[in-house]
């Protein structure tokens, strides 16, 4: 009998589109920088560029890797 291999999801990388909860809204953005393990307790922080609406300057936010869901992976 063949054993099933456990699939381990890779963490988000620069270029990935990620989603996260932002004040009750599901918002998506692009990872533009990996800030490293500089968060509380050594958590890995990522800088995200969010386009809130067309014609408005983008917002940048830093969030812990654990709060992000990958929507589209970069190759």
PDB file of N, CA and C in Angstrom:
ATOM      1  N   UNK A   1       0.836  -1.168   0.000  1.00  0.00           N
ATOM      2  CA  UNK A   1       0.000   0.000   0.000  1.00  0.00           C
ATOM      3  C   UNK A   1       0.891   1.244   0.000  1.00  0.00           C
ATOM      4  N   UNK A   2       0.614   2.176  -0.906  1.00  0.00           N
ATOM      5  CA  UNK A   2       1.416   3.398  -1.007  1.00  0.00           C
ATOM      6  C   UNK A   2       1.002   4.401   0.077  1.00  0.00           C
ATOM      7  N   UNK A   3       1.996   5.068   0.595  1.00  0.00           N
ATOM      8  CA  UNK A   3       1.725   6.086   1.613  1.00  0.00           C
ATOM      9  C   UNK A   3       1.441   7.421   0.936  1.00  0.00           C
ATOM     10  N   UNK A   4       0.503   8.144   1.507  1.00  0.00           N
ATOM     11  CA  UNK A   4       0.227   9.488   1.006  1.00  0.00           C
ATOM     12  C   UNK A   4       1.286  10.430   1.524  1.00  0.00           C
ATOM     13  N   UNK A   5       1.804  11.267   0.645  1.00  0.00           N
ATOM     14  CA  UNK A   5       2.781  12.261   1.072  1.00  0.00           C
ATOM     15  C   UNK A   5       2.043  13.489   1.585  1.00  0.00           C
ATOM     16  N   UNK A   6       2.532  14.023   2.676  1.00  0.00           N
ATOM     17  CA  UNK A   6       1.937  15.222   3.250  1.00  0.00           C
ATOM     18  C   UNK A   6       2.441  16.431   2.470  1.00  0.00           C
ATOM     19  N   UNK A   7       1.520  17.267   2.003  1.00  0.00           N
ATOM     20  CA  UNK A   7       1.897  18.464   1.277  1.00  0.00           C
ATOM     21  C   UNK A   7       2.058  19.616   2.263  1.00  0.00           C
ATOM     22  N   UNK A   8       3.196  20.249   2.190  1.00  0.00           N
ATOM     23  CA  UNK A   8       3.462  21.386   3.055  1.00  0.00           C
ATOM     24  C   UNK A   8       3.401  22.649   2.195  1.00  0.00           C
ATOM     25  N   UNK A   9       2.493  23.543   2.563  1.00  0.00           N
ATOM     26  CA  UNK A   9       2.366  24.792   1.811  1.00  0.00           C
ATOM     27  C   UNK A   9       3.582  25.665   2.078  1.00  0.00           C
ATOM     28  N   UNK A  10       4.099  26.265   1.028  1.00  0.00           N
ATOM     29  CA  UNK A  10       5.253  27.140   1.203  1.00  0.00           C
ATOM     30  C   UNK A  10       4.783  28.497   1.708  1.00  0.00           C
ATOM     31  N   UNK A  11       5.645  29.202   2.414  1.00  0.00           N
ATOM     32  CA  UNK A  11       5.279  30.533   2.895  1.00  0.00           C
ATOM     33  C   UNK A  11       5.199  31.524   1.734  1.00  0.00           C
ATOM     34  N   UNK A  12       4.504  32.635   1.924  1.00  0.00           N
ATOM     35  CA  UNK A  12       4.428  33.641   0.863  1.00  0.00           C
ATOM     36  C   UNK A  12       5.810  34.181   0.506  1.00  0.00           C
ATOM     37  N   UNK A  13       5.985  34.499  -0.775  1.00  0.00           N
ATOM     38  CA  UNK A  13       7.236  35.070  -1.285  1.00  0.00           C
ATOM     39  C   UNK A  13       6.952  36.421  -1.931  1.00  0.00           C
ATOM     40  N   UNK A  14       8.006  37.175  -2.163  1.00  0.00           N
ATOM     41  CA  UNK A  14       7.875  38.448  -2.875  1.00  0.00           C
ATOM     42  C   UNK A  14       7.268  38.165  -4.250  1.00  0.00           C
ATOM     43  N   UNK A  15       6.236  38.914  -4.593  1.00  0.00           N
ATOM     44  CA  UNK A  15       5.538  38.746  -5.868  1.00  0.00           C
ATOM     45  C   UNK A  15       4.216  38.017  -5.735  1.00  0.00           C
ATOM     46  N   UNK A  16       4.033  37.240  -4.670  1.00  0.00           N
ATOM     47  CA  UNK A  16       2.773  36.525  -4.453  1.00  0.00           C
ATOM     48  C   UNK A  16       1.653  37.514  -4.146  1.00  0.00           C
ATOM     49  N   UNK A  17       0.455  37.180  -4.597  1.00  0.00           N
ATOM     50  CA  UNK A  17      -0.734  37.937  -4.210  1.00  0.00           C
ATOM     51  C   UNK A  17      -1.311  37.226  -2.990  1.00  0.00           C
ATOM     52  N   UNK A  18      -1.544  37.986  -1.933  1.00  0.00           N
ATOM     53  CA  UNK A  18      -2.038  37.420  -0.679  1.00  0.00           C
ATOM     54  C   UNK A  18      -3.319  38.132  -0.257  1.00  0.00           C
ATOM     55  N   UNK A  19      -4.116  37.458   0.572  1.00  0.00           N
ATOM     56  CA  UNK A  19      -5.337  38.039   1.119  1.00  0.00           C
ATOM     57  C   UNK A  19      -5.226  38.044   2.635  1.00  0.00           C
ATOM     58  N   UNK A  20      -5.925  38.999   3.251  1.00  0.00           N
ATOM     59  CA  UNK A  20      -5.920  39.101   4.711  1.00  0.00           C
ATOM     60  C   UNK A  20      -7.153  39.872   5.154  1.00  0.00           C
ATOM     61  N   UNK A  21      -7.500  39.724   6.424  1.00  0.00           N
ATOM     62  CA  UNK A  21      -8.637  40.423   7.011  1.00  0.00           C
ATOM     63  C   UNK A  21      -8.205  41.836   7.393  1.00  0.00           C
ATOM     64  N   UNK A  22      -8.972  42.833   6.957  1.00  0.00           N
ATOM     65  CA  UNK A  22      -8.639  44.226   7.235  1.00  0.00           C
ATOM     66  C   UNK A  22      -9.914  44.931   7.682  1.00  0.00           C
ATOM     67  N   UNK A  23     -10.115  44.983   8.974  1.00  0.00           N
ATOM     68  CA  UNK A  23     -11.309  45.637   9.514  1.00  0.00           C
ATOM     69  C   UNK A  23     -12.602  45.000   9.075  1.00  0.00           C
ATOM     70  N   UNK A  24     -12.641  43.705   9.011  1.00  0.00           N
ATOM     71  CA  UNK A  24     -13.847  42.988   8.606  1.00  0.00           C
ATOM     72  C   UNK A  24     -13.974  42.787   7.110  1.00  0.00           C
ATOM     73  N   UNK A  25     -13.072  43.363   6.335  1.00  0.00           N
ATOM     74  CA  UNK A  25     -13.071  43.173   4.889  1.00  0.00           C
ATOM     75  C   UNK A  25     -11.973  42.197   4.497  1.00  0.00           C
ATOM     76  N   UNK A  26     -12.206  41.440   3.438  1.00  0.00           N
ATOM     77  CA  UNK A  26     -11.175  40.555   2.895  1.00  0.00           C
ATOM     78  C   UNK A  26     -10.451  41.346   1.814  1.00  0.00           C
ATOM     79  N   UNK A  27      -9.196  41.711   2.082  1.00  0.00           N
ATOM     80  CA  UNK A  27      -8.412  42.563   1.190  1.00  0.00           C
ATOM     81  C   UNK A  27      -7.269  41.748   0.613  1.00  0.00           C
ATOM     82  N   UNK A  28      -6.886  42.050  -0.639  1.00  0.00           N
ATOM     83  CA  UNK A  28      -5.739  41.370  -1.230  1.00  0.00           C
ATOM     84  C   UNK A  28      -4.702  42.397  -1.667  1.00  0.00           C
ATOM     85  N   UNK A  29      -3.455  41.942  -1.723  1.00  0.00           N
ATOM     86  CA  UNK A  29      -2.355  42.797  -2.132  1.00  0.00           C
ATOM     87  C   UNK A  29      -1.173  41.953  -2.560  1.00  0.00           C
ATOM     88  N   UNK A  30      -0.116  42.607  -2.973  1.00  0.00           N
ATOM     89  CA  UNK A  30       1.077  41.929  -3.466  1.00  0.00           C
ATOM     90  C   UNK A  30       2.215  42.073  -2.469  1.00  0.00           C
ATOM     91  N   UNK A  31       2.901  40.967  -2.191  1.00  0.00           N
ATOM     92  CA  UNK A  31       4.065  41.004  -1.299  1.00  0.00           C
ATOM     93  C   UNK A  31       5.195  41.706  -2.040  1.00  0.00           C
ATOM     94  N   UNK A  32       5.705  42.798  -1.448  1.00  0.00           N
ATOM     95  CA  UNK A  32       6.772  43.561  -2.091  1.00  0.00           C
ATOM     96  C   UNK A  32       8.097  43.454  -1.352  1.00  0.00           C
ATOM     97  N   UNK A  33       8.072  42.976  -0.093  1.00  0.00           N
ATOM     98  CA  UNK A  33       9.316  42.864   0.661  1.00  0.00           C
ATOM     99  C   UNK A  33       9.155  41.851   1.788  1.00  0.00           C
ATOM    100  N   UNK A  34      10.170  41.035   1.964  1.00  0.00           N
ATOM    101  CA  UNK A  34      10.243  40.124   3.110  1.00  0.00           C
ATOM    102  C   UNK A  34      11.104  40.828   4.154  1.00  0.00           C
ATOM    103  N   UNK A  35      10.491  41.253   5.248  1.00  0.00           N
ATOM    104  CA  UNK A  35      11.201  42.023   6.270  1.00  0.00           C
ATOM    105  C   UNK A  35      11.970  41.131   7.234  1.00  0.00           C
ATOM    106  N   UNK A  36      11.756  39.822   7.142  1.00  0.00           N
ATOM    107  CA  UNK A  36      12.481  38.894   8.002  1.00  0.00           C
ATOM    108  C   UNK A  36      11.780  38.672   9.330  1.00  0.00           C
ATOM    109  N   UNK A  37      12.501  38.045  10.243  1.00  0.00           N
ATOM    110  CA  UNK A  37      11.955  37.664  11.548  1.00  0.00           C
ATOM    111  C   UNK A  37      12.151  38.794  12.555  1.00  0.00           C
ATOM    112  N   UNK A  38      11.473  39.927  12.299  1.00  0.00           N
ATOM    113  CA  UNK A  38      11.636  41.098  13.166  1.00  0.00           C
ATOM    114  C   UNK A  38      10.386  41.393  13.984  1.00  0.00           C
ATOM    115  N   UNK A  39       9.375  40.546  13.866  1.00  0.00           N
ATOM    116  CA  UNK A  39       8.133  40.768  14.602  1.00  0.00           C
ATOM    117  C   UNK A  39       8.244  40.297  16.040  1.00  0.00           C
ATOM    118  N   UNK A  40       7.180  40.504  16.792  1.00  0.00           N
ATOM    119  CA  UNK A  40       7.115  40.084  18.186  1.00  0.00           C
ATOM    120  C   UNK A  40       7.372  38.582  18.274  1.00  0.00           C
ATOM    121  N   UNK A  41       8.293  38.187  19.116  1.00  0.00           N
ATOM    122  CA  UNK A  41       8.617  36.768  19.277  1.00  0.00           C
ATOM    123  C   UNK A  41       9.314  36.166  18.071  1.00  0.00           C
ATOM    124  N   UNK A  42       9.864  37.009  17.201  1.00  0.00           N
ATOM    125  CA  UNK A  42      10.585  36.501  16.031  1.00  0.00           C
ATOM    126  C   UNK A  42       9.692  36.167  14.856  1.00  0.00           C
ATOM    127  N   UNK A  43       8.443  36.673  14.872  1.00  0.00           N
ATOM    128  CA  UNK A  43       7.552  36.388  13.747  1.00  0.00           C
ATOM    129  C   UNK A  43       8.083  37.051  12.479  1.00  0.00           C
ATOM    130  N   UNK A  44       7.866  36.389  11.351  1.00  0.00           N
ATOM    131  CA  UNK A  44       8.303  36.895  10.050  1.00  0.00           C
ATOM    132  C   UNK A  44       7.282  37.902   9.544  1.00  0.00           C
ATOM    133  N   UNK A  45       7.737  39.103   9.206  1.00  0.00           N
ATOM    134  CA  UNK A  45       6.860  40.146   8.690  1.00  0.00           C
ATOM    135  C   UNK A  45       7.063  40.328   7.192  1.00  0.00           C
ATOM    136  N   UNK A  46       5.970  40.600   6.495  1.00  0.00           N
ATOM    137  CA  UNK A  46       6.005  40.852   5.060  1.00  0.00           C
ATOM    138  C   UNK A  46       5.357  42.200   4.777  1.00  0.00           C
ATOM    139  N   UNK A  47       5.938  42.938   3.840  1.00  0.00           N
ATOM    140  CA  UNK A  47       5.383  44.239   3.437  1.00  0.00           C
ATOM    141  C   UNK A  47       4.474  43.994   2.245  1.00  0.00           C
ATOM    142  N   UNK A  48       3.230  44.484   2.339  1.00  0.00           N
ATOM    143  CA  UNK A  48       2.207  44.236   1.326  1.00  0.00           C
ATOM    144  C   UNK A  48       1.785  45.565   0.694  1.00  0.00           C
ATOM    145  N   UNK A  49       1.684  45.570  -0.633  1.00  0.00           N
ATOM    146  CA  UNK A  49       1.164  46.737  -1.365  1.00  0.00           C
ATOM    147  C   UNK A  49      -0.296  46.461  -1.700  1.00  0.00           C
ATOM    148  N   UNK A  50      -1.172  47.368  -1.263  1.00  0.00           N
ATOM    149  CA  UNK A  50      -2.607  47.197  -1.461  1.00  0.00           C
ATOM    150  C   UNK A  50      -3.140  48.355  -2.297  1.00  0.00           C
ATOM    151  N   UNK A  51      -3.784  48.021  -3.401  1.00  0.00           N
ATOM    152  CA  UNK A  51      -4.459  49.018  -4.252  1.00  0.00           C
ATOM    153  C   UNK A  51      -5.902  49.079  -3.768  1.00  0.00           C
ATOM    154  N   UNK A  52      -6.247  50.140  -3.030  1.00  0.00           N
ATOM    155  CA  UNK A  52      -7.596  50.238  -2.471  1.00  0.00           C
ATOM    156  C   UNK A  52      -8.638  50.568  -3.540  1.00  0.00           C
ATOM    157  N   UNK A  53      -8.339  51.512  -4.416  1.00  0.00           N
ATOM    158  CA  UNK A  53      -9.226  51.822  -5.535  1.00  0.00           C
ATOM    159  C   UNK A  53      -8.415  52.508  -6.631  1.00  0.00           C
ATOM    160  N   UNK A  54      -8.859  52.408  -7.882  1.00  0.00           N
ATOM    161  CA  UNK A  54      -8.113  52.999  -8.994  1.00  0.00           C
ATOM    162  C   UNK A  54      -7.946  54.509  -8.829  1.00  0.00           C
ATOM    163  N   UNK A  55      -6.771  55.002  -9.174  1.00  0.00           N
ATOM    164  CA  UNK A  55      -6.500  56.429  -9.125  1.00  0.00           C
ATOM    165  C   UNK A  55      -6.053  56.943  -7.766  1.00  0.00           C
ATOM    166  N   UNK A  56      -6.032  56.081  -6.763  1.00  0.00           N
ATOM    167  CA  UNK A  56      -5.609  56.458  -5.416  1.00  0.00           C
ATOM    168  C   UNK A  56      -4.262  55.802  -5.135  1.00  0.00           C
ATOM    169  N   UNK A  57      -3.354  56.530  -4.493  1.00  0.00           N
ATOM    170  CA  UNK A  57      -2.042  55.964  -4.160  1.00  0.00           C
ATOM    171  C   UNK A  57      -2.200  54.668  -3.372  1.00  0.00           C
ATOM    172  N   UNK A  58      -1.341  53.688  -3.639  1.00  0.00           N
ATOM    173  CA  UNK A  58      -1.443  52.414  -2.922  1.00  0.00           C
ATOM    174  C   UNK A  58      -1.086  52.571  -1.441  1.00  0.00           C
ATOM    175  N   UNK A  59      -1.598  51.651  -0.643  1.00  0.00           N
ATOM    176  CA  UNK A  59      -1.292  51.615   0.780  1.00  0.00           C
ATOM    177  C   UNK A  59      -0.284  50.496   1.005  1.00  0.00           C
ATOM    178  N   UNK A  60       0.675  50.707   1.881  1.00  0.00           N
ATOM    179  CA  UNK A  60       1.644  49.680   2.245  1.00  0.00           C
ATOM    180  C   UNK A  60       1.412  49.318   3.707  1.00  0.00           C
ATOM    181  N   UNK A  61       1.437  48.015   3.984  1.00  0.00           N
ATOM    182  CA  UNK A  61       1.198  47.533   5.333  1.00  0.00           C
ATOM    183  C   UNK A  61       2.137  46.356   5.596  1.00  0.00           C
ATOM    184  N   UNK A  62       2.593  46.225   6.827  1.00  0.00           N
ATOM    185  CA  UNK A  62       3.429  45.081   7.210  1.00  0.00           C
ATOM    186  C   UNK A  62       2.604  44.173   8.096  1.00  0.00           C
ATOM    187  N   UNK A  63       2.570  42.893   7.723  1.00  0.00           N
ATOM    188  CA  UNK A  63       1.772  41.917   8.460  1.00  0.00           C
ATOM    189  C   UNK A  63       2.578  40.655   8.715  1.00  0.00           C
ATOM    190  N   UNK A  64       2.238  39.933   9.796  1.00  0.00           N
ATOM    191  CA  UNK A  64       2.887  38.651  10.048  1.00  0.00           C
ATOM    192  C   UNK A  64       2.491  37.624   8.979  1.00  0.00           C
ATOM    193  N   UNK A  65       3.423  36.788   8.637  1.00  0.00           N
ATOM    194  CA  UNK A  65       3.209  35.738   7.640  1.00  0.00           C
ATOM    195  C   UNK A  65       1.976  34.888   7.987  1.00  0.00           C
ATOM    196  N   UNK A  66       1.751  34.617   9.260  1.00  0.00           N
ATOM    197  CA  UNK A  66       0.655  33.754   9.702  1.00  0.00           C
ATOM    198  C   UNK A  66      -0.721  34.358   9.408  1.00  0.00           C
ATOM    199  N   UNK A  67      -0.802  35.677   9.196  1.00  0.00           N
ATOM    200  CA  UNK A  67      -2.087  36.335   8.942  1.00  0.00           C
ATOM    201  C   UNK A  67      -2.454  36.374   7.461  1.00  0.00           C
ATOM    202  N   UNK A  68      -1.602  35.816   6.599  1.00  0.00           N
ATOM    203  CA  UNK A  68      -1.790  35.912   5.153  1.00  0.00           C
ATOM    204  C   UNK A  68      -2.211  34.584   4.543  1.00  0.00           C
ATOM    205  N   UNK A  69      -3.060  34.679   3.495  1.00  0.00           N
ATOM    206  CA  UNK A  69      -3.439  33.509   2.700  1.00  0.00           C
ATOM    207  C   UNK A  69      -2.989  33.775   1.254  1.00  0.00           C
ATOM    208  N   UNK A  70      -2.289  32.829   0.668  1.00  0.00           N
ATOM    209  CA  UNK A  70      -1.819  33.023  -0.712  1.00  0.00           C
ATOM    210  C   UNK A  70      -2.992  32.847  -1.669  1.00  0.00           C
ATOM    211  N   UNK A  71      -3.191  33.854  -2.527  1.00  0.00           N
ATOM    212  CA  UNK A  71      -4.243  33.826  -3.534  1.00  0.00           C
ATOM    213  C   UNK A  71      -3.659  33.384  -4.875  1.00  0.00           C
ATOM    214  N   UNK A  72      -2.482  33.929  -5.213  1.00  0.00           N
ATOM    215  CA  UNK A  72      -1.801  33.599  -6.479  1.00  0.00           C
ATOM    216  C   UNK A  72      -0.311  33.546  -6.222  1.00  0.00           C
ATOM    217  N   UNK A  73       0.286  32.438  -6.565  1.00  0.00           N
ATOM    218  CA  UNK A  73       1.723  32.254  -6.361  1.00  0.00           C
ATOM    219  C   UNK A  73       2.508  32.766  -7.562  1.00  0.00           C
ATOM    220  N   UNK A  74       3.689  33.306  -7.263  1.00  0.00           N
ATOM    221  CA  UNK A  74       4.616  33.688  -8.309  1.00  0.00           C
ATOM    222  C   UNK A  74       5.399  32.429  -8.666  1.00  0.00           C
ATOM    223  N   UNK A  75       5.788  32.277  -9.895  1.00  0.00           N
ATOM    224  CA  UNK A  75       6.480  31.057 -10.346  1.00  0.00           C
ATOM    225  C   UNK A  75       7.757  30.760  -9.641  1.00  0.00           C
TER     226      UNK A  75
END
